[in-house]
Amino acid sequence: MRAVVQRVRGAEVRVDDAIVGAIDGVGLCVLVGVGRDDTKVEAAAIADKLWRVRIFDDEDGRMNLAAADLDAPVLLISQFTLYGDTSRGRRPSWAAAAAADHAAALIDELTSELRALGAEVATGRFGADMQVALTNDGPVTLLLDV
C-alpha cells in the first residue's frame, strides 16, 4: 500500500457536487493506493503508521505529535493512480495496482483498522470521480509505503 499523507486544517471530498466525506480542523487527508499483492497485513501496518506518525507540532514547534495524540480526524480517499508507472514512457501502466474488488476490500479494511485504533475516519467513495479540497497545513506532506 502507498499513501500520500497531508497535514491539513480541514478537507472534504465531493461526488456529483455533494460532500461525501469531510473533516474539520487539524487532521490528516490521506490518498491511498492498493497494490496487487497487498493483504490485510499491509492494511493494518499502514493504519498503525498513519495513526502514529509524528507529523503534528508540539508546544515547542517540533513535529513530535501524532494524530493519535491529538485525536485528529482522518479523511481517507482511495487513489489507484498512486501505482502508475511511467518508467517506460509517458503513458502510465497500472499493472502494479490492485483489481477494483481487491482494492475496495482493503480500503474498507484500512478504514476499519483506523477506527479500531480510535480514529474518527471520513472517506471518499471508492471508484467515483471525486473532487478533493483541502487546506494543507505547513505544508506538510509525507509518502508512506508498507
N, C-alpha and C. Protein backbone atom coordinates (compact mmCIF):
# COMPACT_ATOMS: atom_id res chain seq x y z
N MET A 1 0.85 -1.18 0.00
CA MET A 1 0.00 0.00 0.00
C MET A 1 0.89 1.23 0.00
N ARG A 2 0.37 2.25 -0.63
CA ARG A 2 1.04 3.54 -0.68
C ARG A 2 0.07 4.61 -0.21
N ALA A 3 0.62 5.60 0.48
CA ALA A 3 -0.23 6.69 0.95
C ALA A 3 0.50 8.02 0.80
N VAL A 4 -0.24 9.02 0.35
CA VAL A 4 0.21 10.40 0.38
C VAL A 4 -0.56 11.02 1.55
N VAL A 5 0.19 11.46 2.55
CA VAL A 5 -0.39 11.95 3.80
C VAL A 5 -0.15 13.45 3.89
N GLN A 6 -1.22 14.20 4.03
CA GLN A 6 -1.10 15.64 4.18
C GLN A 6 -1.69 16.08 5.50
N ARG A 7 -0.90 16.89 6.22
CA ARG A 7 -1.41 17.50 7.43
C ARG A 7 -2.29 18.66 6.99
N VAL A 8 -3.53 18.67 7.46
CA VAL A 8 -4.49 19.66 6.98
C VAL A 8 -5.17 20.39 8.11
N ARG A 9 -5.83 21.46 7.73
CA ARG A 9 -6.71 22.21 8.64
C ARG A 9 -8.12 22.19 8.06
N GLY A 10 -8.50 21.02 7.64
CA GLY A 10 -9.82 20.81 7.05
C GLY A 10 -9.69 20.26 5.65
N ALA A 11 -10.59 19.35 5.29
CA ALA A 11 -10.59 18.75 3.95
C ALA A 11 -11.96 18.16 3.68
N GLU A 12 -12.30 18.11 2.39
CA GLU A 12 -13.56 17.49 2.01
C GLU A 12 -13.42 16.84 0.65
N VAL A 13 -14.26 15.84 0.42
CA VAL A 13 -14.30 15.18 -0.88
C VAL A 13 -15.75 15.19 -1.34
N ARG A 14 -15.92 15.54 -2.62
CA ARG A 14 -17.26 15.65 -3.22
C ARG A 14 -17.40 14.66 -4.37
N VAL A 15 -18.61 14.17 -4.53
CA VAL A 15 -19.00 13.36 -5.68
C VAL A 15 -20.31 13.96 -6.19
N ASP A 16 -20.33 14.31 -7.46
CA ASP A 16 -21.53 14.93 -8.06
C ASP A 16 -22.01 16.13 -7.25
N ASP A 17 -21.07 16.99 -6.86
CA ASP A 17 -21.35 18.22 -6.10
C ASP A 17 -21.90 18.01 -4.70
N ALA A 18 -21.90 16.78 -4.22
CA ALA A 18 -22.35 16.51 -2.85
C ALA A 18 -21.14 16.08 -2.01
N ILE A 19 -21.02 16.63 -0.81
CA ILE A 19 -19.94 16.24 0.09
C ILE A 19 -20.22 14.82 0.59
N VAL A 20 -19.26 13.92 0.35
CA VAL A 20 -19.42 12.54 0.82
C VAL A 20 -18.52 12.24 2.01
N GLY A 21 -17.52 13.08 2.24
CA GLY A 21 -16.64 12.92 3.39
C GLY A 21 -15.95 14.23 3.68
N ALA A 22 -15.80 14.55 4.97
CA ALA A 22 -15.16 15.81 5.34
C ALA A 22 -14.62 15.72 6.76
N ILE A 23 -13.55 16.49 7.00
CA ILE A 23 -13.04 16.67 8.36
C ILE A 23 -12.84 18.16 8.58
N ASP A 24 -13.06 18.60 9.79
CA ASP A 24 -12.87 19.99 10.16
C ASP A 24 -11.67 20.10 11.09
N GLY A 25 -10.95 21.19 10.98
CA GLY A 25 -9.83 21.43 11.87
C GLY A 25 -8.62 20.60 11.52
N VAL A 26 -7.72 20.51 12.48
CA VAL A 26 -6.45 19.81 12.29
C VAL A 26 -6.68 18.32 12.12
N GLY A 27 -6.10 17.75 11.07
CA GLY A 27 -6.24 16.32 10.81
C GLY A 27 -5.36 15.88 9.67
N LEU A 28 -5.66 14.72 9.12
CA LEU A 28 -4.90 14.16 8.01
C LEU A 28 -5.82 13.91 6.82
N CYS A 29 -5.37 14.29 5.64
CA CYS A 29 -6.01 13.91 4.39
C CYS A 29 -5.08 12.89 3.75
N VAL A 30 -5.59 11.70 3.51
CA VAL A 30 -4.75 10.59 3.06
C VAL A 30 -5.27 10.00 1.76
N LEU A 31 -4.44 10.03 0.73
CA LEU A 31 -4.73 9.37 -0.53
C LEU A 31 -4.04 8.01 -0.48
N VAL A 32 -4.79 6.93 -0.73
CA VAL A 32 -4.26 5.57 -0.56
C VAL A 32 -4.40 4.78 -1.84
N GLY A 33 -3.29 4.16 -2.24
CA GLY A 33 -3.30 3.23 -3.37
C GLY A 33 -3.03 1.83 -2.86
N VAL A 34 -3.71 0.86 -3.45
CA VAL A 34 -3.55 -0.55 -3.06
C VAL A 34 -2.83 -1.28 -4.18
N GLY A 35 -1.77 -1.98 -3.82
CA GLY A 35 -1.01 -2.78 -4.78
C GLY A 35 -1.63 -4.16 -4.95
N ARG A 36 -1.36 -4.78 -6.07
CA ARG A 36 -1.99 -6.07 -6.38
C ARG A 36 -1.63 -7.17 -5.41
N ASP A 37 -0.49 -7.06 -4.73
CA ASP A 37 -0.06 -8.09 -3.77
C ASP A 37 -0.36 -7.74 -2.32
N ASP A 38 -1.02 -6.62 -2.09
CA ASP A 38 -1.32 -6.19 -0.72
C ASP A 38 -2.38 -7.08 -0.08
N THR A 39 -2.28 -7.19 1.25
CA THR A 39 -3.19 -8.02 2.04
C THR A 39 -3.66 -7.23 3.26
N LYS A 40 -4.43 -7.89 4.11
CA LYS A 40 -4.86 -7.27 5.36
C LYS A 40 -3.67 -6.90 6.25
N VAL A 41 -2.56 -7.60 6.09
CA VAL A 41 -1.36 -7.30 6.87
C VAL A 41 -0.87 -5.89 6.55
N GLU A 42 -0.82 -5.54 5.26
CA GLU A 42 -0.40 -4.20 4.85
C GLU A 42 -1.41 -3.14 5.30
N ALA A 43 -2.69 -3.48 5.24
CA ALA A 43 -3.72 -2.53 5.68
C ALA A 43 -3.54 -2.21 7.16
N ALA A 44 -3.30 -3.22 7.97
CA ALA A 44 -3.09 -3.00 9.41
C ALA A 44 -1.82 -2.20 9.66
N ALA A 45 -0.77 -2.50 8.91
CA ALA A 45 0.51 -1.81 9.11
C ALA A 45 0.41 -0.33 8.74
N ILE A 46 -0.24 -0.04 7.63
CA ILE A 46 -0.33 1.36 7.23
C ILE A 46 -1.30 2.12 8.13
N ALA A 47 -2.33 1.46 8.63
CA ALA A 47 -3.24 2.10 9.58
C ALA A 47 -2.48 2.53 10.83
N ASP A 48 -1.66 1.63 11.36
CA ASP A 48 -0.88 1.94 12.55
C ASP A 48 0.09 3.09 12.27
N LYS A 49 0.74 3.04 11.13
CA LYS A 49 1.70 4.09 10.78
C LYS A 49 0.99 5.44 10.62
N LEU A 50 -0.15 5.46 9.94
CA LEU A 50 -0.90 6.71 9.77
C LEU A 50 -1.32 7.30 11.11
N TRP A 51 -1.80 6.46 11.99
CA TRP A 51 -2.32 6.92 13.27
C TRP A 51 -1.21 7.39 14.20
N ARG A 52 -0.01 6.84 14.02
CA ARG A 52 1.07 7.12 14.97
C ARG A 52 2.24 7.94 14.41
N VAL A 53 2.21 8.26 13.10
CA VAL A 53 3.32 9.04 12.54
C VAL A 53 3.31 10.44 13.17
N ARG A 54 4.48 10.88 13.60
CA ARG A 54 4.59 12.16 14.31
C ARG A 54 4.74 13.29 13.28
N ILE A 55 3.60 13.88 12.95
CA ILE A 55 3.52 14.87 11.88
C ILE A 55 2.98 16.21 12.37
N PHE A 56 2.52 16.25 13.62
CA PHE A 56 1.95 17.48 14.18
C PHE A 56 2.92 18.12 15.17
N ASP A 57 2.88 19.45 15.24
CA ASP A 57 3.78 20.20 16.11
C ASP A 57 3.39 20.09 17.58
N ASP A 58 4.41 19.99 18.43
CA ASP A 58 4.19 20.06 19.87
C ASP A 58 4.26 21.53 20.29
N GLU A 59 4.25 21.77 21.59
CA GLU A 59 4.26 23.16 22.09
C GLU A 59 5.55 23.90 21.75
N ASP A 60 6.62 23.17 21.39
CA ASP A 60 7.88 23.80 21.01
C ASP A 60 8.03 23.95 19.49
N GLY A 61 6.98 23.60 18.75
CA GLY A 61 7.04 23.72 17.30
C GLY A 61 7.76 22.58 16.60
N ARG A 62 8.00 21.49 17.31
CA ARG A 62 8.67 20.32 16.71
C ARG A 62 7.63 19.27 16.38
N MET A 63 7.83 18.57 15.28
CA MET A 63 6.89 17.52 14.88
C MET A 63 7.09 16.29 15.75
N ASN A 64 6.43 16.29 16.90
CA ASN A 64 6.55 15.22 17.87
C ASN A 64 5.21 14.57 18.21
N LEU A 65 4.12 15.05 17.62
CA LEU A 65 2.80 14.53 17.95
C LEU A 65 2.18 13.82 16.76
N ALA A 66 1.41 12.80 17.07
CA ALA A 66 0.71 12.01 16.06
C ALA A 66 -0.78 12.32 16.11
N ALA A 67 -1.49 11.89 15.09
CA ALA A 67 -2.95 12.02 15.10
C ALA A 67 -3.53 11.37 16.34
N ALA A 68 -2.93 10.25 16.76
CA ALA A 68 -3.38 9.55 17.96
C ALA A 68 -3.28 10.44 19.20
N ASP A 69 -2.23 11.26 19.27
CA ASP A 69 -2.04 12.13 20.43
C ASP A 69 -3.08 13.24 20.50
N LEU A 70 -3.58 13.65 19.33
CA LEU A 70 -4.50 14.79 19.25
C LEU A 70 -5.93 14.38 18.97
N ASP A 71 -6.18 13.08 18.82
CA ASP A 71 -7.48 12.60 18.35
C ASP A 71 -7.89 13.33 17.08
N ALA A 72 -6.91 13.52 16.19
CA ALA A 72 -7.15 14.23 14.94
C ALA A 72 -7.88 13.33 13.95
N PRO A 73 -8.86 13.85 13.24
CA PRO A 73 -9.61 13.05 12.28
C PRO A 73 -8.80 12.77 11.02
N VAL A 74 -9.25 11.76 10.28
CA VAL A 74 -8.59 11.33 9.05
C VAL A 74 -9.63 11.30 7.93
N LEU A 75 -9.28 11.91 6.80
CA LEU A 75 -10.08 11.78 5.59
C LEU A 75 -9.32 10.84 4.67
N LEU A 76 -9.88 9.67 4.42
CA LEU A 76 -9.23 8.59 3.67
C LEU A 76 -9.87 8.48 2.29
N ILE A 77 -9.03 8.59 1.24
CA ILE A 77 -9.52 8.60 -0.13
C ILE A 77 -8.72 7.60 -0.96
N SER A 78 -9.41 6.68 -1.61
CA SER A 78 -8.72 5.70 -2.45
C SER A 78 -8.24 6.38 -3.73
N GLN A 79 -7.03 5.99 -4.19
CA GLN A 79 -6.47 6.57 -5.40
C GLN A 79 -5.54 5.56 -6.07
N PHE A 80 -6.07 4.80 -7.01
CA PHE A 80 -5.28 3.76 -7.66
C PHE A 80 -4.13 4.34 -8.47
N THR A 81 -4.22 5.61 -8.87
CA THR A 81 -3.16 6.20 -9.69
C THR A 81 -1.83 6.32 -8.96
N LEU A 82 -1.82 6.10 -7.64
CA LEU A 82 -0.55 6.11 -6.91
C LEU A 82 0.35 4.97 -7.37
N TYR A 83 -0.22 3.98 -8.04
CA TYR A 83 0.57 2.87 -8.56
C TYR A 83 0.86 3.02 -10.06
N GLY A 84 0.66 4.20 -10.61
CA GLY A 84 1.00 4.45 -12.01
C GLY A 84 2.51 4.40 -12.20
N ASP A 85 2.94 3.67 -13.22
CA ASP A 85 4.36 3.52 -13.52
C ASP A 85 4.64 4.15 -14.88
N THR A 86 5.48 5.18 -14.90
CA THR A 86 5.82 5.84 -16.15
C THR A 86 7.28 5.60 -16.54
N SER A 87 7.88 4.55 -16.00
CA SER A 87 9.30 4.29 -16.28
C SER A 87 9.55 3.88 -17.72
N ARG A 88 8.54 3.45 -18.44
CA ARG A 88 8.72 3.01 -19.82
C ARG A 88 8.06 3.94 -20.84
N GLY A 89 7.87 5.16 -20.48
CA GLY A 89 7.27 6.09 -21.42
C GLY A 89 6.40 7.11 -20.74
N ARG A 90 5.50 7.70 -21.50
CA ARG A 90 4.67 8.78 -20.99
C ARG A 90 3.27 8.34 -20.59
N ARG A 91 2.89 7.15 -21.00
CA ARG A 91 1.57 6.65 -20.62
C ARG A 91 1.73 5.72 -19.42
N PRO A 92 1.08 6.03 -18.31
CA PRO A 92 1.25 5.20 -17.12
C PRO A 92 0.72 3.77 -17.31
N SER A 93 1.43 2.85 -16.70
CA SER A 93 0.96 1.46 -16.61
C SER A 93 0.36 1.29 -15.22
N TRP A 94 -0.78 0.61 -15.16
CA TRP A 94 -1.44 0.37 -13.88
C TRP A 94 -1.27 -1.08 -13.45
N ALA A 95 -0.31 -1.78 -14.01
CA ALA A 95 -0.13 -3.21 -13.75
C ALA A 95 0.11 -3.53 -12.28
N ALA A 96 0.71 -2.63 -11.54
CA ALA A 96 1.01 -2.89 -10.12
C ALA A 96 -0.18 -2.60 -9.20
N ALA A 97 -1.20 -1.92 -9.72
CA ALA A 97 -2.37 -1.59 -8.90
C ALA A 97 -3.27 -2.81 -8.75
N ALA A 98 -3.91 -2.89 -7.60
CA ALA A 98 -4.83 -4.00 -7.33
C ALA A 98 -6.09 -3.87 -8.18
N ALA A 99 -6.70 -5.01 -8.47
CA ALA A 99 -8.00 -5.02 -9.14
C ALA A 99 -9.01 -4.33 -8.22
N ALA A 100 -10.06 -3.77 -8.81
CA ALA A 100 -11.01 -2.95 -8.06
C ALA A 100 -11.63 -3.67 -6.86
N ASP A 101 -12.05 -4.92 -7.02
CA ASP A 101 -12.70 -5.62 -5.91
C ASP A 101 -11.72 -5.86 -4.75
N HIS A 102 -10.49 -6.22 -5.09
CA HIS A 102 -9.46 -6.44 -4.07
C HIS A 102 -9.12 -5.12 -3.37
N ALA A 103 -8.96 -4.05 -4.15
CA ALA A 103 -8.62 -2.75 -3.58
C ALA A 103 -9.74 -2.23 -2.68
N ALA A 104 -10.99 -2.36 -3.12
CA ALA A 104 -12.12 -1.88 -2.31
C ALA A 104 -12.16 -2.59 -0.96
N ALA A 105 -11.93 -3.89 -0.97
CA ALA A 105 -11.94 -4.65 0.28
C ALA A 105 -10.83 -4.18 1.22
N LEU A 106 -9.65 -3.88 0.67
CA LEU A 106 -8.54 -3.45 1.53
C LEU A 106 -8.70 -2.00 2.00
N ILE A 107 -9.34 -1.15 1.20
CA ILE A 107 -9.65 0.20 1.67
C ILE A 107 -10.64 0.11 2.84
N ASP A 108 -11.63 -0.76 2.73
CA ASP A 108 -12.57 -0.98 3.84
C ASP A 108 -11.83 -1.51 5.07
N GLU A 109 -10.90 -2.43 4.85
CA GLU A 109 -10.10 -2.98 5.95
C GLU A 109 -9.27 -1.88 6.62
N LEU A 110 -8.64 -1.04 5.82
CA LEU A 110 -7.84 0.07 6.36
C LEU A 110 -8.72 1.00 7.18
N THR A 111 -9.89 1.33 6.67
CA THR A 111 -10.83 2.19 7.40
C THR A 111 -11.19 1.55 8.74
N SER A 112 -11.50 0.27 8.73
CA SER A 112 -11.85 -0.45 9.98
C SER A 112 -10.69 -0.48 10.96
N GLU A 113 -9.48 -0.71 10.45
CA GLU A 113 -8.29 -0.74 11.31
C GLU A 113 -8.06 0.62 11.97
N LEU A 114 -8.19 1.70 11.20
CA LEU A 114 -8.03 3.03 11.78
C LEU A 114 -9.07 3.30 12.86
N ARG A 115 -10.31 2.94 12.58
CA ARG A 115 -11.37 3.14 13.57
C ARG A 115 -11.12 2.30 14.82
N ALA A 116 -10.61 1.10 14.66
CA ALA A 116 -10.30 0.25 15.81
C ALA A 116 -9.19 0.86 16.67
N LEU A 117 -8.31 1.63 16.04
CA LEU A 117 -7.24 2.31 16.78
C LEU A 117 -7.76 3.56 17.50
N GLY A 118 -8.98 3.99 17.18
CA GLY A 118 -9.57 5.14 17.83
C GLY A 118 -9.75 6.35 16.94
N ALA A 119 -9.44 6.22 15.66
CA ALA A 119 -9.54 7.36 14.75
C ALA A 119 -10.98 7.63 14.32
N GLU A 120 -11.30 8.89 14.19
CA GLU A 120 -12.52 9.31 13.50
C GLU A 120 -12.14 9.36 12.02
N VAL A 121 -12.82 8.57 11.19
CA VAL A 121 -12.45 8.45 9.78
C VAL A 121 -13.62 8.82 8.88
N ALA A 122 -13.37 9.75 7.98
CA ALA A 122 -14.30 10.07 6.90
C ALA A 122 -13.67 9.51 5.63
N THR A 123 -14.50 9.19 4.64
CA THR A 123 -13.97 8.58 3.42
C THR A 123 -14.57 9.21 2.18
N GLY A 124 -13.88 8.96 1.08
CA GLY A 124 -14.43 9.27 -0.22
C GLY A 124 -15.32 8.11 -0.65
N ARG A 125 -15.62 8.03 -1.93
CA ARG A 125 -16.43 6.94 -2.46
C ARG A 125 -15.59 6.16 -3.46
N PHE A 126 -15.34 4.90 -3.16
CA PHE A 126 -14.46 4.08 -3.98
C PHE A 126 -14.94 4.06 -5.43
N GLY A 127 -14.01 4.30 -6.35
CA GLY A 127 -14.30 4.21 -7.77
C GLY A 127 -15.02 5.40 -8.38
N ALA A 128 -15.40 6.36 -7.55
CA ALA A 128 -16.13 7.53 -8.05
C ALA A 128 -15.17 8.59 -8.57
N ASP A 129 -15.68 9.49 -9.39
CA ASP A 129 -14.95 10.68 -9.81
C ASP A 129 -15.10 11.67 -8.67
N MET A 130 -14.02 11.90 -7.93
CA MET A 130 -14.08 12.71 -6.72
C MET A 130 -13.32 14.02 -6.90
N GLN A 131 -13.79 15.05 -6.24
CA GLN A 131 -13.08 16.32 -6.16
C GLN A 131 -12.70 16.52 -4.70
N VAL A 132 -11.41 16.76 -4.48
CA VAL A 132 -10.89 16.90 -3.12
C VAL A 132 -10.45 18.34 -2.91
N ALA A 133 -10.89 18.93 -1.82
CA ALA A 133 -10.47 20.27 -1.43
C ALA A 133 -9.88 20.18 -0.03
N LEU A 134 -8.75 20.84 0.16
CA LEU A 134 -8.11 20.80 1.48
C LEU A 134 -7.29 22.04 1.71
N THR A 135 -7.01 22.29 2.96
CA THR A 135 -6.07 23.33 3.35
C THR A 135 -4.88 22.63 3.96
N ASN A 136 -3.80 22.53 3.18
CA ASN A 136 -2.59 21.87 3.64
C ASN A 136 -1.95 22.76 4.69
N ASP A 137 -1.59 22.19 5.82
CA ASP A 137 -1.03 22.91 6.94
C ASP A 137 0.48 22.73 6.96
N GLY A 138 1.19 23.77 6.70
CA GLY A 138 2.65 23.72 6.73
C GLY A 138 3.29 24.36 5.50
N PRO A 139 3.23 23.78 4.36
CA PRO A 139 2.63 22.48 4.03
C PRO A 139 3.49 21.33 4.53
N VAL A 140 2.81 20.29 4.97
CA VAL A 140 3.46 19.05 5.39
C VAL A 140 2.83 17.91 4.61
N THR A 141 3.65 17.20 3.84
CA THR A 141 3.19 16.07 3.04
C THR A 141 4.23 14.96 3.15
N LEU A 142 3.76 13.73 3.43
CA LEU A 142 4.64 12.56 3.51
C LEU A 142 4.18 11.48 2.55
N LEU A 143 5.11 10.68 2.09
CA LEU A 143 4.80 9.48 1.32
C LEU A 143 5.09 8.28 2.20
N LEU A 144 4.10 7.40 2.33
CA LEU A 144 4.27 6.19 3.14
C LEU A 144 4.10 4.97 2.26
N ASP A 145 4.97 4.01 2.40
CA ASP A 145 4.87 2.71 1.74
C ASP A 145 5.00 1.64 2.79
N VAL A 146 4.19 0.59 2.67
CA VAL A 146 4.37 -0.59 3.52
C VAL A 146 4.32 -1.82 2.65
